[in-house]
Amino acid sequence: QSFHEQFGDRITIIGINWNDDLEKAQNLLDSEEISYTNLIDEGGKVFVDYRLVKLPVSFWLDEQGVIGGYGEGAMSEKNMLEGFEVTTNVFDNETGF
């Protein structure tokens, strides 16, 4: 959420909830005050299409939508910034990492 608040004007964050019903997912989003876009992966299509084997996982897509990298497990803001700096031009080296 903090990453979204800082960089949401330049980076789109989409959360995908797998194996959750809508009410359970919405309760979590509300309790954590998550405001970035979240979707439900009904039937596990995204899980299968991206060949995921564990969660959480993050993908970095460049300005053309091409996957430039991914990270497994929980990530810090620093990890997220480093991933975007390597795979996109969105920051133009302004973050200092």
PDB file of N, CA and C in Angstrom:
ATOM      1  N   GLN A   1       0.825  -1.188   0.000  1.00  0.00           N
ATOM      2  CA  GLN A   1       0.000   0.000   0.000  1.00  0.00           C
ATOM      3  C   GLN A   1       0.870   1.253   0.000  1.00  0.00           C
ATOM      4  N   SER A   2       1.906   1.230   0.814  1.00  0.00           N
ATOM      5  CA  SER A   2       2.807   2.379   0.877  1.00  0.00           C
ATOM      6  C   SER A   2       3.473   2.633  -0.470  1.00  0.00           C
ATOM      7  N   PHE A   3       3.911   1.564  -1.132  1.00  0.00           N
ATOM      8  CA  PHE A   3       4.520   1.687  -2.460  1.00  0.00           C
ATOM      9  C   PHE A   3       3.520   2.313  -3.434  1.00  0.00           C
ATOM     10  N   HIS A   4       2.298   1.857  -3.390  1.00  0.00           N
ATOM     11  CA  HIS A   4       1.236   2.402  -4.249  1.00  0.00           C
ATOM     12  C   HIS A   4       1.019   3.891  -3.957  1.00  0.00           C
ATOM     13  N   GLU A   5       1.004   4.257  -2.697  1.00  0.00           N
ATOM     14  CA  GLU A   5       0.792   5.661  -2.343  1.00  0.00           C
ATOM     15  C   GLU A   5       1.930   6.537  -2.837  1.00  0.00           C
ATOM     16  N   GLN A   6       3.154   6.026  -2.815  1.00  0.00           N
ATOM     17  CA  GLN A   6       4.309   6.807  -3.259  1.00  0.00           C
ATOM     18  C   GLN A   6       4.437   6.873  -4.778  1.00  0.00           C
ATOM     19  N   PHE A   7       4.159   5.762  -5.457  1.00  0.00           N
ATOM     20  CA  PHE A   7       4.479   5.677  -6.873  1.00  0.00           C
ATOM     21  C   PHE A   7       3.290   5.344  -7.769  1.00  0.00           C
ATOM     22  N   GLY A   8       2.095   5.352  -7.229  1.00  0.00           N
ATOM     23  CA  GLY A   8       0.903   4.989  -7.992  1.00  0.00           C
ATOM     24  C   GLY A   8       0.614   5.890  -9.165  1.00  0.00           C
ATOM     25  N   ASP A   9       1.204   7.080  -9.186  1.00  0.00           N
ATOM     26  CA  ASP A   9       1.013   7.959 -10.335  1.00  0.00           C
ATOM     27  C   ASP A   9       1.869   7.528 -11.527  1.00  0.00           C
ATOM     28  N   ARG A  10       2.855   6.628 -11.285  1.00  0.00           N
ATOM     29  CA  ARG A  10       3.738   6.169 -12.357  1.00  0.00           C
ATOM     30  C   ARG A  10       3.704   4.660 -12.578  1.00  0.00           C
ATOM     31  N   ILE A  11       3.252   3.929 -11.574  1.00  0.00           N
ATOM     32  CA  ILE A  11       3.251   2.470 -11.651  1.00  0.00           C
ATOM     33  C   ILE A  11       1.866   1.968 -11.267  1.00  0.00           C
ATOM     34  N   THR A  12       1.352   1.039 -12.051  1.00  0.00           N
ATOM     35  CA  THR A  12       0.073   0.425 -11.730  1.00  0.00           C
ATOM     36  C   THR A  12       0.331  -0.868 -10.969  1.00  0.00           C
ATOM     37  N   ILE A  13      -0.246  -0.974  -9.802  1.00  0.00           N
ATOM     38  CA  ILE A  13      -0.142  -2.182  -8.998  1.00  0.00           C
ATOM     39  C   ILE A  13      -1.488  -2.880  -9.054  1.00  0.00           C
ATOM     40  N   ILE A  14      -1.445  -4.178  -9.326  1.00  0.00           N
ATOM     41  CA  ILE A  14      -2.658  -4.981  -9.348  1.00  0.00           C
ATOM     42  C   ILE A  14      -2.419  -6.197  -8.463  1.00  0.00           C
ATOM     43  N   GLY A  15      -3.256  -6.362  -7.468  1.00  0.00           N
ATOM     44  CA  GLY A  15      -3.207  -7.550  -6.632  1.00  0.00           C
ATOM     45  C   GLY A  15      -4.173  -8.576  -7.179  1.00  0.00           C
ATOM     46  N   ILE A  16      -3.751  -9.827  -7.180  1.00  0.00           N
ATOM     47  CA  ILE A  16      -4.631 -10.900  -7.638  1.00  0.00           C
ATOM     48  C   ILE A  16      -4.783 -11.887  -6.496  1.00  0.00           C
ATOM     49  N   ASN A  17      -6.006 -12.044  -6.052  1.00  0.00           N
ATOM     50  CA  ASN A  17      -6.307 -12.949  -4.945  1.00  0.00           C
ATOM     51  C   ASN A  17      -6.666 -14.308  -5.507  1.00  0.00           C
ATOM     52  N   TRP A  18      -5.908 -15.296  -5.096  1.00  0.00           N
ATOM     53  CA  TRP A  18      -6.111 -16.660  -5.579  1.00  0.00           C
ATOM     54  C   TRP A  18      -6.737 -17.485  -4.475  1.00  0.00           C
ATOM     55  N   ASN A  19      -7.717 -18.264  -4.842  1.00  0.00           N
ATOM     56  CA  ASN A  19      -8.361 -19.192  -3.913  1.00  0.00           C
ATOM     57  C   ASN A  19      -9.063 -18.475  -2.753  1.00  0.00           C
ATOM     58  N   ASP A  20      -9.509 -17.268  -2.982  1.00  0.00           N
ATOM     59  CA  ASP A  20     -10.274 -16.517  -1.986  1.00  0.00           C
ATOM     60  C   ASP A  20     -11.664 -16.240  -2.537  1.00  0.00           C
ATOM     61  N   ASP A  21     -12.647 -16.266  -1.650  1.00  0.00           N
ATOM     62  CA  ASP A  21     -13.953 -15.809  -2.109  1.00  0.00           C
ATOM     63  C   ASP A  21     -13.994 -14.290  -1.993  1.00  0.00           C
ATOM     64  N   LEU A  22     -14.928 -13.690  -2.671  1.00  0.00           N
ATOM     65  CA  LEU A  22     -15.002 -12.235  -2.750  1.00  0.00           C
ATOM     66  C   LEU A  22     -15.124 -11.594  -1.376  1.00  0.00           C
ATOM     67  N   GLU A  23     -15.968 -12.121  -0.518  1.00  0.00           N
ATOM     68  CA  GLU A  23     -16.178 -11.525   0.803  1.00  0.00           C
ATOM     69  C   GLU A  23     -14.899 -11.577   1.645  1.00  0.00           C
ATOM     70  N   LYS A  24     -14.227 -12.711   1.648  1.00  0.00           N
ATOM     71  CA  LYS A  24     -12.977 -12.847   2.406  1.00  0.00           C
ATOM     72  C   LYS A  24     -11.919 -11.868   1.897  1.00  0.00           C
ATOM     73  N   ALA A  25     -11.768 -11.788   0.587  1.00  0.00           N
ATOM     74  CA  ALA A  25     -10.794 -10.863  -0.002  1.00  0.00           C
ATOM     75  C   ALA A  25     -11.148  -9.419   0.331  1.00  0.00           C
ATOM     76  N   GLN A  26     -12.419  -9.062   0.200  1.00  0.00           N
ATOM     77  CA  GLN A  26     -12.835  -7.684   0.471  1.00  0.00           C
ATOM     78  C   GLN A  26     -12.618  -7.315   1.934  1.00  0.00           C
ATOM     79  N   ASN A  27     -12.886  -8.243   2.845  1.00  0.00           N
ATOM     80  CA  ASN A  27     -12.648  -7.985   4.272  1.00  0.00           C
ATOM     81  C   ASN A  27     -11.179  -7.702   4.545  1.00  0.00           C
ATOM     82  N   LEU A  28     -10.284  -8.472   3.921  1.00  0.00           N
ATOM     83  CA  LEU A  28      -8.851  -8.241   4.096  1.00  0.00           C
ATOM     84  C   LEU A  28      -8.436  -6.894   3.525  1.00  0.00           C
ATOM     85  N   LEU A  29      -8.893  -6.575   2.321  1.00  0.00           N
ATOM     86  CA  LEU A  29      -8.557  -5.288   1.704  1.00  0.00           C
ATOM     87  C   LEU A  29      -9.047  -4.132   2.552  1.00  0.00           C
ATOM     88  N   ASP A  30     -10.259  -4.247   3.078  1.00  0.00           N
ATOM     89  CA  ASP A  30     -10.814  -3.190   3.928  1.00  0.00           C
ATOM     90  C   ASP A  30     -10.036  -3.060   5.231  1.00  0.00           C
ATOM     91  N   SER A  31      -9.723  -4.183   5.870  1.00  0.00           N
ATOM     92  CA  SER A  31      -9.034  -4.121   7.162  1.00  0.00           C
ATOM     93  C   SER A  31      -7.616  -3.579   7.020  1.00  0.00           C
ATOM     94  N   GLU A  32      -6.967  -3.831   5.896  1.00  0.00           N
ATOM     95  CA  GLU A  32      -5.603  -3.346   5.663  1.00  0.00           C
ATOM     96  C   GLU A  32      -5.575  -2.004   4.930  1.00  0.00           C
ATOM     97  N   GLU A  33      -6.755  -1.475   4.625  1.00  0.00           N
ATOM     98  CA  GLU A  33      -6.912  -0.210   3.910  1.00  0.00           C
ATOM     99  C   GLU A  33      -6.146  -0.203   2.590  1.00  0.00           C
ATOM    100  N   ILE A  34      -6.303  -1.279   1.828  1.00  0.00           N
ATOM    101  CA  ILE A  34      -5.661  -1.424   0.526  1.00  0.00           C
ATOM    102  C   ILE A  34      -6.513  -0.717  -0.519  1.00  0.00           C
ATOM    103  N   SER A  35      -5.908   0.203  -1.264  1.00  0.00           N
ATOM    104  CA  SER A  35      -6.671   0.966  -2.248  1.00  0.00           C
ATOM    105  C   SER A  35      -6.259   0.696  -3.692  1.00  0.00           C
ATOM    106  N   TYR A  36      -5.188  -0.064  -3.919  1.00  0.00           N
ATOM    107  CA  TYR A  36      -4.834  -0.376  -5.300  1.00  0.00           C
ATOM    108  C   TYR A  36      -5.756  -1.483  -5.818  1.00  0.00           C
ATOM    109  N   THR A  37      -5.831  -1.617  -7.123  1.00  0.00           N
ATOM    110  CA  THR A  37      -6.735  -2.563  -7.768  1.00  0.00           C
ATOM    111  C   THR A  37      -6.435  -3.998  -7.351  1.00  0.00           C
ATOM    112  N   ASN A  38      -7.468  -4.734  -7.017  1.00  0.00           N
ATOM    113  CA  ASN A  38      -7.355  -6.151  -6.675  1.00  0.00           C
ATOM    114  C   ASN A  38      -8.407  -6.928  -7.441  1.00  0.00           C
ATOM    115  N   LEU A  39      -8.025  -8.099  -7.896  1.00  0.00           N
ATOM    116  CA  LEU A  39      -8.913  -8.975  -8.656  1.00  0.00           C
ATOM    117  C   LEU A  39      -8.969 -10.339  -7.989  1.00  0.00           C
ATOM    118  N   ILE A  40      -9.997 -11.091  -8.291  1.00  0.00           N
ATOM    119  CA  ILE A  40     -10.129 -12.468  -7.818  1.00  0.00           C
ATOM    120  C   ILE A  40      -9.801 -13.396  -8.991  1.00  0.00           C
ATOM    121  N   ASP A  41      -8.900 -14.343  -8.765  1.00  0.00           N
ATOM    122  CA  ASP A  41      -8.543 -15.331  -9.788  1.00  0.00           C
ATOM    123  C   ASP A  41      -9.490 -16.514  -9.672  1.00  0.00           C
ATOM    124  N   GLU A  42     -10.691 -16.338 -10.204  1.00  0.00           N
ATOM    125  CA  GLU A  42     -11.695 -17.400 -10.131  1.00  0.00           C
ATOM    126  C   GLU A  42     -11.231 -18.605 -10.941  1.00  0.00           C
ATOM    127  N   GLY A  43     -11.244 -19.747 -10.326  1.00  0.00           N
ATOM    128  CA  GLY A  43     -10.869 -20.970 -11.008  1.00  0.00           C
ATOM    129  C   GLY A  43      -9.366 -21.154 -11.178  1.00  0.00           C
ATOM    130  N   GLY A  44      -8.549 -20.229 -10.684  1.00  0.00           N
ATOM    131  CA  GLY A  44      -7.104 -20.382 -10.744  1.00  0.00           C
ATOM    132  C   GLY A  44      -6.490 -20.195 -12.120  1.00  0.00           C
ATOM    133  N   LYS A  45      -7.170 -19.492 -13.025  1.00  0.00           N
ATOM    134  CA  LYS A  45      -6.655 -19.301 -14.380  1.00  0.00           C
ATOM    135  C   LYS A  45      -5.318 -18.574 -14.389  1.00  0.00           C
ATOM    136  N   VAL A  46      -5.188 -17.497 -13.650  1.00  0.00           N
ATOM    137  CA  VAL A  46      -3.926 -16.752 -13.612  1.00  0.00           C
ATOM    138  C   VAL A  46      -2.827 -17.629 -13.015  1.00  0.00           C
ATOM    139  N   PHE A  47      -3.162 -18.344 -11.964  1.00  0.00           N
ATOM    140  CA  PHE A  47      -2.208 -19.235 -11.319  1.00  0.00           C
ATOM    141  C   PHE A  47      -1.645 -20.238 -12.322  1.00  0.00           C
ATOM    142  N   VAL A  48      -2.514 -20.816 -13.137  1.00  0.00           N
ATOM    143  CA  VAL A  48      -2.090 -21.797 -14.137  1.00  0.00           C
ATOM    144  C   VAL A  48      -1.357 -21.118 -15.297  1.00  0.00           C
ATOM    145  N   ASP A  49      -1.918 -20.033 -15.832  1.00  0.00           N
ATOM    146  CA  ASP A  49      -1.327 -19.360 -16.994  1.00  0.00           C
ATOM    147  C   ASP A  49       0.087 -18.862 -16.717  1.00  0.00           C
ATOM    148  N   TYR A  50       0.346 -18.399 -15.505  1.00  0.00           N
ATOM    149  CA  TYR A  50       1.676 -17.889 -15.150  1.00  0.00           C
ATOM    150  C   TYR A  50       2.564 -18.976 -14.543  1.00  0.00           C
ATOM    151  N   ARG A  51       2.052 -20.204 -14.500  1.00  0.00           N
ATOM    152  CA  ARG A  51       2.806 -21.359 -14.010  1.00  0.00           C
ATOM    153  C   ARG A  51       3.366 -21.123 -12.604  1.00  0.00           C
ATOM    154  N   LEU A  52       2.517 -20.597 -11.752  1.00  0.00           N
ATOM    155  CA  LEU A  52       2.938 -20.315 -10.384  1.00  0.00           C
ATOM    156  C   LEU A  52       3.010 -21.600  -9.575  1.00  0.00           C
ATOM    157  N   VAL A  53       3.985 -21.656  -8.694  1.00  0.00           N
ATOM    158  CA  VAL A  53       4.120 -22.821  -7.818  1.00  0.00           C
ATOM    159  C   VAL A  53       4.046 -22.437  -6.348  1.00  0.00           C
ATOM    160  N   LYS A  54       4.185 -21.147  -6.046  1.00  0.00           N
ATOM    161  CA  LYS A  54       4.018 -20.685  -4.675  1.00  0.00           C
ATOM    162  C   LYS A  54       3.620 -19.221  -4.675  1.00  0.00           C
ATOM    163  N   LEU A  55       3.105 -18.780  -3.555  1.00  0.00           N
ATOM    164  CA  LEU A  55       2.649 -17.402  -3.391  1.00  0.00           C
ATOM    165  C   LEU A  55       3.272 -16.824  -2.130  1.00  0.00           C
ATOM    166  N   PRO A  56       3.466 -15.536  -2.026  1.00  0.00           N
ATOM    167  CA  PRO A  56       3.206 -14.531  -3.066  1.00  0.00           C
ATOM    168  C   PRO A  56       4.327 -14.492  -4.105  1.00  0.00           C
ATOM    169  N   VAL A  57       3.979 -13.936  -5.246  1.00  0.00           N
ATOM    170  CA  VAL A  57       4.949 -13.710  -6.314  1.00  0.00           C
ATOM    171  C   VAL A  57       4.615 -12.354  -6.939  1.00  0.00           C
ATOM    172  N   SER A  58       5.654 -11.644  -7.354  1.00  0.00           N
ATOM    173  CA  SER A  58       5.471 -10.336  -7.979  1.00  0.00           C
ATOM    174  C   SER A  58       6.115 -10.346  -9.356  1.00  0.00           C
ATOM    175  N   PHE A  59       5.461  -9.720 -10.316  1.00  0.00           N
ATOM    176  CA  PHE A  59       6.003  -9.586 -11.665  1.00  0.00           C
ATOM    177  C   PHE A  59       6.209  -8.114 -11.968  1.00  0.00           C
ATOM    178  N   TRP A  60       7.309  -7.813 -12.641  1.00  0.00           N
ATOM    179  CA  TRP A  60       7.560  -6.452 -13.104  1.00  0.00           C
ATOM    180  C   TRP A  60       7.364  -6.432 -14.606  1.00  0.00           C
ATOM    181  N   LEU A  61       6.450  -5.595 -15.044  1.00  0.00           N
ATOM    182  CA  LEU A  61       6.183  -5.450 -16.468  1.00  0.00           C
ATOM    183  C   LEU A  61       6.655  -4.078 -16.904  1.00  0.00           C
ATOM    184  N   ASP A  62       7.266  -4.012 -18.081  1.00  0.00           N
ATOM    185  CA  ASP A  62       7.739  -2.731 -18.580  1.00  0.00           C
ATOM    186  C   ASP A  62       6.583  -1.954 -19.203  1.00  0.00           C
ATOM    187  N   GLU A  63       6.917  -0.835 -19.812  1.00  0.00           N
ATOM    188  CA  GLU A  63       5.896   0.054 -20.373  1.00  0.00           C
ATOM    189  C   GLU A  63       5.110  -0.593 -21.518  1.00  0.00           C
ATOM    190  N   GLN A  64       5.659  -1.635 -22.126  1.00  0.00           N
ATOM    191  CA  GLN A  64       4.963  -2.342 -23.207  1.00  0.00           C
ATOM    192  C   GLN A  64       4.220  -3.583 -22.706  1.00  0.00           C
ATOM    193  N   GLY A  65       4.265  -3.838 -21.404  1.00  0.00           N
ATOM    194  CA  GLY A  65       3.573  -4.982 -20.837  1.00  0.00           C
ATOM    195  C   GLY A  65       4.366  -6.272 -20.871  1.00  0.00           C
ATOM    196  N   VAL A  66       5.653  -6.193 -21.176  1.00  0.00           N
ATOM    197  CA  VAL A  66       6.510  -7.372 -21.232  1.00  0.00           C
ATOM    198  C   VAL A  66       7.061  -7.654 -19.830  1.00  0.00           C
ATOM    199  N   ILE A  67       6.975  -8.919 -19.403  1.00  0.00           N
ATOM    200  CA  ILE A  67       7.498  -9.297 -18.093  1.00  0.00           C
ATOM    201  C   ILE A  67       9.020  -9.215 -18.139  1.00  0.00           C
ATOM    202  N   GLY A  68       9.588  -8.363 -17.291  1.00  0.00           N
ATOM    203  CA  GLY A  68      11.032  -8.181 -17.252  1.00  0.00           C
ATOM    204  C   GLY A  68      11.683  -8.861 -16.075  1.00  0.00           C
ATOM    205  N   GLY A  69      10.897  -9.319 -15.147  1.00  0.00           N
ATOM    206  CA  GLY A  69      11.441  -9.989 -13.981  1.00  0.00           C
ATOM    207  C   GLY A  69      10.337 -10.362 -13.021  1.00  0.00           C
ATOM    208  N   TYR A  70      10.715 -11.129 -12.012  1.00  0.00           N
ATOM    209  CA  TYR A  70       9.750 -11.508 -10.987  1.00  0.00           C
ATOM    210  C   TYR A  70      10.492 -11.771  -9.684  1.00  0.00           C
ATOM    211  N   GLY A  71       9.745 -11.726  -8.612  1.00  0.00           N
ATOM    212  CA  GLY A  71      10.297 -12.027  -7.298  1.00  0.00           C
ATOM    213  C   GLY A  71       9.327 -12.890  -6.524  1.00  0.00           C
ATOM    214  N   GLU A  72       9.875 -13.848  -5.798  1.00  0.00           N
ATOM    215  CA  GLU A  72       9.039 -14.735  -4.994  1.00  0.00           C
ATOM    216  C   GLU A  72       9.113 -14.331  -3.536  1.00  0.00           C
ATOM    217  N   GLY A  73       8.000 -14.504  -2.845  1.00  0.00           N
ATOM    218  CA  GLY A  73       7.939 -14.197  -1.428  1.00  0.00           C
ATOM    219  C   GLY A  73       7.556 -12.749  -1.166  1.00  0.00           C
ATOM    220  N   ALA A  74       7.419 -12.431   0.113  1.00  0.00           N
ATOM    221  CA  ALA A  74       7.078 -11.067   0.516  1.00  0.00           C
ATOM    222  C   ALA A  74       8.223 -10.136   0.137  1.00  0.00           C
ATOM    223  N   MET A  75       7.887  -8.923  -0.270  1.00  0.00           N
ATOM    224  CA  MET A  75       8.904  -7.980  -0.729  1.00  0.00           C
ATOM    225  C   MET A  75       8.848  -6.689   0.059  1.00  0.00           C
ATOM    226  N   SER A  76      10.009  -6.116   0.289  1.00  0.00           N
ATOM    227  CA  SER A  76      10.097  -4.791   0.897  1.00  0.00           C
ATOM    228  C   SER A  76       9.925  -3.742  -0.211  1.00  0.00           C
ATOM    229  N   GLU A  77       9.696  -2.495   0.193  1.00  0.00           N
ATOM    230  CA  GLU A  77       9.607  -1.424  -0.802  1.00  0.00           C
ATOM    231  C   GLU A  77      10.903  -1.307  -1.581  1.00  0.00           C
ATOM    232  N   LYS A  78      12.032  -1.498  -0.899  1.00  0.00           N
ATOM    233  CA  LYS A  78      13.331  -1.416  -1.571  1.00  0.00           C
ATOM    234  C   LYS A  78      13.426  -2.481  -2.662  1.00  0.00           C
ATOM    235  N   ASN A  79      13.001  -3.723  -2.365  1.00  0.00           N
ATOM    236  CA  ASN A  79      13.009  -4.792  -3.376  1.00  0.00           C
ATOM    237  C   ASN A  79      12.126  -4.422  -4.560  1.00  0.00           C
ATOM    238  N   MET A  80      10.978  -3.848  -4.281  1.00  0.00           N
ATOM    239  CA  MET A  80      10.057  -3.472  -5.342  1.00  0.00           C
ATOM    240  C   MET A  80      10.676  -2.391  -6.231  1.00  0.00           C
ATOM    241  N   LEU A  81      11.274  -1.381  -5.611  1.00  0.00           N
ATOM    242  CA  LEU A  81      11.916  -0.308  -6.377  1.00  0.00           C
ATOM    243  C   LEU A  81      13.048  -0.845  -7.239  1.00  0.00           C
ATOM    244  N   GLU A  82      13.881  -1.695  -6.658  1.00  0.00           N
ATOM    245  CA  GLU A  82      14.997  -2.255  -7.406  1.00  0.00           C
ATOM    246  C   GLU A  82      14.496  -3.054  -8.609  1.00  0.00           C
ATOM    247  N   GLY A  83      13.437  -3.806  -8.427  1.00  0.00           N
ATOM    248  CA  GLY A  83      12.874  -4.569  -9.535  1.00  0.00           C
ATOM    249  C   GLY A  83      12.396  -3.677 -10.660  1.00  0.00           C
ATOM    250  N   PHE A  84      11.710  -2.594 -10.331  1.00  0.00           N
ATOM    251  CA  PHE A  84      11.231  -1.682 -11.364  1.00  0.00           C
ATOM    252  C   PHE A  84      12.369  -0.922 -12.021  1.00  0.00           C
ATOM    253  N   GLU A  85      13.404  -0.573 -11.266  1.00  0.00           N
ATOM    254  CA  GLU A  85      14.543   0.131 -11.859  1.00  0.00           C
ATOM    255  C   GLU A  85      15.256  -0.742 -12.883  1.00  0.00           C
ATOM    256  N   VAL A  86      15.329  -2.040 -12.630  1.00  0.00           N
ATOM    257  CA  VAL A  86      16.008  -2.953 -13.545  1.00  0.00           C
ATOM    258  C   VAL A  86      15.169  -3.220 -14.788  1.00  0.00           C
ATOM    259  N   THR A  87      13.849  -3.244 -14.659  1.00  0.00           N
ATOM    260  CA  THR A  87      12.997  -3.695 -15.760  1.00  0.00           C
ATOM    261  C   THR A  87      12.269  -2.587 -16.515  1.00  0.00           C
ATOM    262  N   THR A  88      12.279  -1.359 -15.994  1.00  0.00           N
ATOM    263  CA  THR A  88      11.547  -0.271 -16.656  1.00  0.00           C
ATOM    264  C   THR A  88      12.374   1.014 -16.627  1.00  0.00           C
ATOM    265  N   ASN A  89      11.856   2.031 -17.291  1.00  0.00           N
ATOM    266  CA  ASN A  89      12.452   3.367 -17.256  1.00  0.00           C
ATOM    267  C   ASN A  89      11.607   4.334 -16.440  1.00  0.00           C
ATOM    268  N   VAL A  90      10.696   3.817 -15.655  1.00  0.00           N
ATOM    269  CA  VAL A  90       9.706   4.647 -14.986  1.00  0.00           C
ATOM    270  C   VAL A  90      10.322   5.638 -13.990  1.00  0.00           C
ATOM    271  N   PHE A  91      11.451   5.301 -13.393  1.00  0.00           N
ATOM    272  CA  PHE A  91      12.027   6.188 -12.389  1.00  0.00           C
ATOM    273  C   PHE A  91      13.155   7.062 -12.906  1.00  0.00           C
ATOM    274  N   ASP A  92      13.715   6.741 -14.061  1.00  0.00           N
ATOM    275  CA  ASP A  92      14.841   7.504 -14.597  1.00  0.00           C
ATOM    276  C   ASP A  92      15.947   7.696 -13.560  1.00  0.00           C
ATOM    277  N   ASN A  93      16.236   6.623 -12.796  1.00  0.00           N
ATOM    278  CA  ASN A  93      17.319   6.613 -11.793  1.00  0.00           C
ATOM    279  C   ASN A  93      17.159   7.655 -10.697  1.00  0.00           C
ATOM    280  N   GLU A  94      15.954   8.061 -10.379  1.00  0.00           N
ATOM    281  CA  GLU A  94      15.750   9.104  -9.380  1.00  0.00           C
ATOM    282  C   GLU A  94      15.592   8.573  -7.954  1.00  0.00           C
ATOM    283  N   THR A  95      15.453   7.274  -7.762  1.00  0.00           N
ATOM    284  CA  THR A  95      15.206   6.759  -6.424  1.00  0.00           C
ATOM    285  C   THR A  95      16.475   6.576  -5.600  1.00  0.00           C
ATOM    286  N   GLY A  96      17.631   6.557  -6.238  1.00  0.00           N
ATOM    287  CA  GLY A  96      18.877   6.472  -5.499  1.00  0.00           C
ATOM    288  C   GLY A  96      19.328   5.095  -5.108  1.00  0.00           C
ATOM    289  N   PHE A  97      18.696   4.047  -5.614  1.00  0.00           N
ATOM    290  CA  PHE A  97      19.140   2.691  -5.306  1.00  0.00           C
ATOM    291  C   PHE A  97      20.180   2.262  -6.311  1.00  0.00           C
TER     292      PHE A  97
END
